[in-house]
C-alpha atoms as a PDB file:
ATOM      1  CA  MET A   1      50.175 -25.581 -75.294  1.00  0.00           C
ATOM      2  CA  SER A   2      49.107 -28.995 -74.078  1.00  0.00           C
ATOM      3  CA  ALA A   3      51.662 -31.605 -73.134  1.00  0.00           C
ATOM      4  CA  LEU A   4      52.519 -34.327 -75.601  1.00  0.00           C
ATOM      5  CA  PRO A   5      50.777 -37.644 -74.833  1.00  0.00           C
ATOM      6  CA  TRP A   6      54.105 -39.415 -74.284  1.00  0.00           C
ATOM      7  CA  ILE A   7      54.976 -36.893 -71.568  1.00  0.00           C
ATOM      8  CA  GLU A   8      51.706 -37.759 -69.824  1.00  0.00           C
ATOM      9  CA  ILE A   9      52.520 -41.462 -70.081  1.00  0.00           C
ATOM     10  CA  LEU A  10      56.067 -40.897 -68.841  1.00  0.00           C
ATOM     11  CA  SER A  11      54.787 -38.782 -65.938  1.00  0.00           C
ATOM     12  CA  TRP A  12      52.387 -41.528 -64.898  1.00  0.00           C
ATOM     13  CA  ALA A  13      55.104 -44.176 -65.235  1.00  0.00           C
ATOM     14  CA  LEU A  14      57.430 -42.118 -63.043  1.00  0.00           C
ATOM     15  CA  ALA A  15      54.607 -41.624 -60.540  1.00  0.00           C
ATOM     16  CA  ALA A  16      54.184 -45.422 -60.413  1.00  0.00           C
ATOM     17  CA  PHE A  17      57.932 -45.776 -59.826  1.00  0.00           C
ATOM     18  CA  PHE A  18      57.725 -43.386 -56.873  1.00  0.00           C
ATOM     19  CA  VAL A  19      54.662 -45.224 -55.468  1.00  0.00           C
ATOM     20  CA  LEU A  20      56.754 -48.386 -55.552  1.00  0.00           C
ATOM     21  CA  GLY A  21      59.554 -46.483 -53.807  1.00  0.00           C
ATOM     22  CA  PHE A  22      57.072 -45.365 -51.152  1.00  0.00           C
ATOM     23  CA  PHE A  23      56.018 -48.936 -50.418  1.00  0.00           C
ATOM     24  CA  ILE A  24      59.547 -50.319 -50.422  1.00  0.00           C
ATOM     25  CA  ASN A  25      60.990 -47.565 -48.231  1.00  0.00           C
ATOM     26  CA  THR A  26      58.062 -47.510 -45.826  1.00  0.00           C
ATOM     27  CA  PHE A  27      57.159 -51.166 -45.463  1.00  0.00           C
ATOM     28  CA  ALA A  28      60.201 -53.242 -46.483  1.00  0.00           C
ATOM     29  CA  VAL A  29      62.157 -52.185 -43.412  1.00  0.00           C
ATOM     30  CA  LYS A  30      64.052 -55.478 -43.133  1.00  0.00           C
ATOM     31  CA  LYS A  31      65.392 -54.916 -46.643  1.00  0.00           C
ATOM     32  CA  VAL A  32      66.109 -51.167 -46.680  1.00  0.00           C
ATOM     33  CA  GLY A  33      66.836 -50.577 -43.001  1.00  0.00           C
ATOM     34  CA  PRO A  34      70.314 -52.138 -43.030  1.00  0.00           C
ATOM     35  CA  GLU A  35      71.213 -50.232 -46.189  1.00  0.00           C
ATOM     36  CA  TYR A  36      70.213 -46.895 -44.693  1.00  0.00           C
ATOM     37  CA  ARG A  37      72.185 -47.710 -41.528  1.00  0.00           C
ATOM     38  CA  ARG A  38      75.220 -48.719 -43.603  1.00  0.00           C
ATOM     39  CA  TRP A  39      75.065 -45.356 -45.349  1.00  0.00           C
ATOM     40  CA  GLY A  40      74.896 -43.524 -42.005  1.00  0.00           C
ATOM     41  CA  TYR A  41      71.228 -42.480 -42.023  1.00  0.00           C
ATOM     42  CA  PRO A  42      69.177 -42.704 -38.814  1.00  0.00           C
ATOM     43  CA  ASP A  43      66.800 -45.644 -38.262  1.00  0.00           C
ATOM     44  CA  TRP A  44      63.714 -43.536 -39.038  1.00  0.00           C
ATOM     45  CA  PHE A  45      65.038 -42.089 -42.289  1.00  0.00           C
ATOM     46  CA  HIS A  46      63.337 -44.696 -44.482  1.00  0.00           C
ATOM     47  CA  PHE A  47      60.018 -43.116 -43.446  1.00  0.00           C
ATOM     48  CA  VAL A  48      61.220 -39.714 -44.656  1.00  0.00           C
ATOM     49  CA  SER A  49      62.398 -41.225 -47.915  1.00  0.00           C
ATOM     50  CA  GLY A  50      59.128 -43.093 -48.413  1.00  0.00           C
ATOM     51  CA  GLY A  51      57.066 -40.023 -47.580  1.00  0.00           C
ATOM     52  CA  LEU A  52      58.966 -37.906 -50.083  1.00  0.00           C
ATOM     53  CA  ASP A  53      58.492 -40.614 -52.716  1.00  0.00           C
ATOM     54  CA  LEU A  54      54.741 -40.549 -52.096  1.00  0.00           C
ATOM     55  CA  ILE A  55      54.638 -36.757 -52.439  1.00  0.00           C
ATOM     56  CA  VAL A  56      56.429 -36.971 -55.798  1.00  0.00           C
ATOM     57  CA  ALA A  57      54.018 -39.689 -56.932  1.00  0.00           C
ATOM     58  CA  LEU A  58      51.068 -37.456 -56.083  1.00  0.00           C
ATOM     59  CA  LEU A  59      52.538 -34.369 -57.755  1.00  0.00           C
ATOM     60  CA  LEU A  60      53.678 -35.845 -61.083  1.00  0.00           C
ATOM     61  CA  PRO A  61      50.388 -36.857 -62.759  1.00  0.00           C
ATOM     62  CA  ALA A  62      48.671 -33.436 -62.688  1.00  0.00           C
ATOM     63  CA  ALA A  63      50.070 -30.861 -65.102  1.00  0.00           C
ATOM     64  CA  SER A  64      49.579 -28.058 -62.580  1.00  0.00           C
ATOM     65  CA  THR A  65      51.728 -29.723 -59.893  1.00  0.00           C
ATOM     66  CA  ARG A  66      54.131 -31.566 -62.184  1.00  0.00           C
ATOM     67  CA  PRO A  67      56.923 -28.949 -61.929  1.00  0.00           C
ATOM     68  CA  TYR A  68      57.011 -29.448 -58.162  1.00  0.00           C
ATOM     69  CA  GLY A  69      57.040 -33.221 -58.565  1.00  0.00           C
ATOM     70  CA  VAL A  70      59.877 -33.006 -61.071  1.00  0.00           C
ATOM     71  CA  ALA A  71      61.903 -30.719 -58.805  1.00  0.00           C
ATOM     72  CA  LEU A  72      61.406 -32.894 -55.721  1.00  0.00           C
ATOM     73  CA  GLY A  73      61.955 -36.121 -57.650  1.00  0.00           C
ATOM     74  CA  CYS A  74      65.195 -34.796 -59.162  1.00  0.00           C
ATOM     75  CA  SER A  75      66.365 -33.755 -55.698  1.00  0.00           C
ATOM     76  CA  ILE A  76      65.653 -37.225 -54.324  1.00  0.00           C
ATOM     77  CA  MET A  77      67.464 -38.910 -57.199  1.00  0.00           C
ATOM     78  CA  LEU A  78      70.478 -36.601 -56.837  1.00  0.00           C
ATOM     79  CA  ALA A  79      70.615 -37.435 -53.119  1.00  0.00           C
ATOM     80  CA  ALA A  80      70.434 -41.147 -53.944  1.00  0.00           C
ATOM     81  CA  ILE A  81      73.211 -40.795 -56.517  1.00  0.00           C
ATOM     82  CA  ALA A  82      75.370 -38.808 -54.106  1.00  0.00           C
ATOM     83  CA  THR A  83      74.839 -41.376 -51.341  1.00  0.00           C
ATOM     84  CA  VAL A  84      75.884 -44.403 -53.362  1.00  0.00           C
ATOM     85  CA  VAL A  85      78.765 -42.619 -55.092  1.00  0.00           C
ATOM     86  CA  PHE A  86      80.054 -41.370 -51.727  1.00  0.00           C
ATOM     87  CA  HIS A  87      80.029 -44.966 -50.488  1.00  0.00           C
ATOM     88  CA  ARG A  88      81.703 -46.177 -53.694  1.00  0.00           C
ATOM     89  CA  GLU A  89      78.716 -48.277 -54.780  1.00  0.00           C
ATOM     90  CA  TYR A  90      78.933 -46.961 -58.322  1.00  0.00           C
ATOM     91  CA  ARG A  91      76.724 -49.588 -59.962  1.00  0.00           C
ATOM     92  CA  ARG A  92      73.881 -48.572 -57.685  1.00  0.00           C
ATOM     93  CA  ALA A  93      74.016 -45.049 -59.150  1.00  0.00           C
ATOM     94  CA  LEU A  94      72.668 -46.210 -62.518  1.00  0.00           C
ATOM     95  CA  PRO A  95      68.946 -46.622 -61.645  1.00  0.00           C
ATOM     96  CA  PRO A  96      68.593 -43.212 -59.939  1.00  0.00           C
ATOM     97  CA  SER A  97      70.566 -41.669 -62.815  1.00  0.00           C
ATOM     98  CA  ILE A  98      68.082 -43.075 -65.307  1.00  0.00           C
ATOM     99  CA  VAL A  99      65.116 -41.834 -63.259  1.00  0.00           C
ATOM    100  CA  PHE A 100      66.772 -38.423 -62.911  1.00  0.00           C
ATOM    101  CA  THR A 101      67.210 -38.271 -66.700  1.00  0.00           C
ATOM    102  CA  LEU A 102      63.569 -39.201 -67.316  1.00  0.00           C
ATOM    103  CA  LEU A 103      62.443 -36.581 -64.808  1.00  0.00           C
ATOM    104  CA  ALA A 104      64.645 -34.020 -66.548  1.00  0.00           C
ATOM    105  CA  ILE A 105      62.997 -34.881 -69.874  1.00  0.00           C
ATOM    106  CA  VAL A 106      59.563 -34.316 -68.330  1.00  0.00           C
ATOM    107  CA  GLY A 107      60.812 -31.090 -66.754  1.00  0.00           C
ATOM    108  CA  ARG A 108      62.254 -29.861 -70.037  1.00  0.00           C
ATOM    109  CA  THR A 109      58.813 -30.061 -71.652  1.00  0.00           C
ATOM    110  CA  LEU A 110      57.491 -27.708 -68.958  1.00  0.00           C
ATOM    111  CA  LEU A 111      59.672 -24.843 -70.175  1.00  0.00           C
END
């Protein structure tokens, strides 16, 4: 059974979101570096985060690799939610929660 067109559109939109995350985490070091340090992550961690975002962005568009992109993307969003909730920055949990929900919708169509 082929995927519904809106799932394809949503997958591409989520891939674009993760490409943006890659660029922000990798190249906007002056912006994200202090946040990562405040949360207790090492100085190089923004590269790991950006690299994982890029992998998700590459996996989501193709139907054959989409399950892996959904799984990795959900893991990243859960880690982001856990980080900000642990540091009592509850409002910052909303965006990753929304992305997690959208990824879960895409993942649900894979079953």
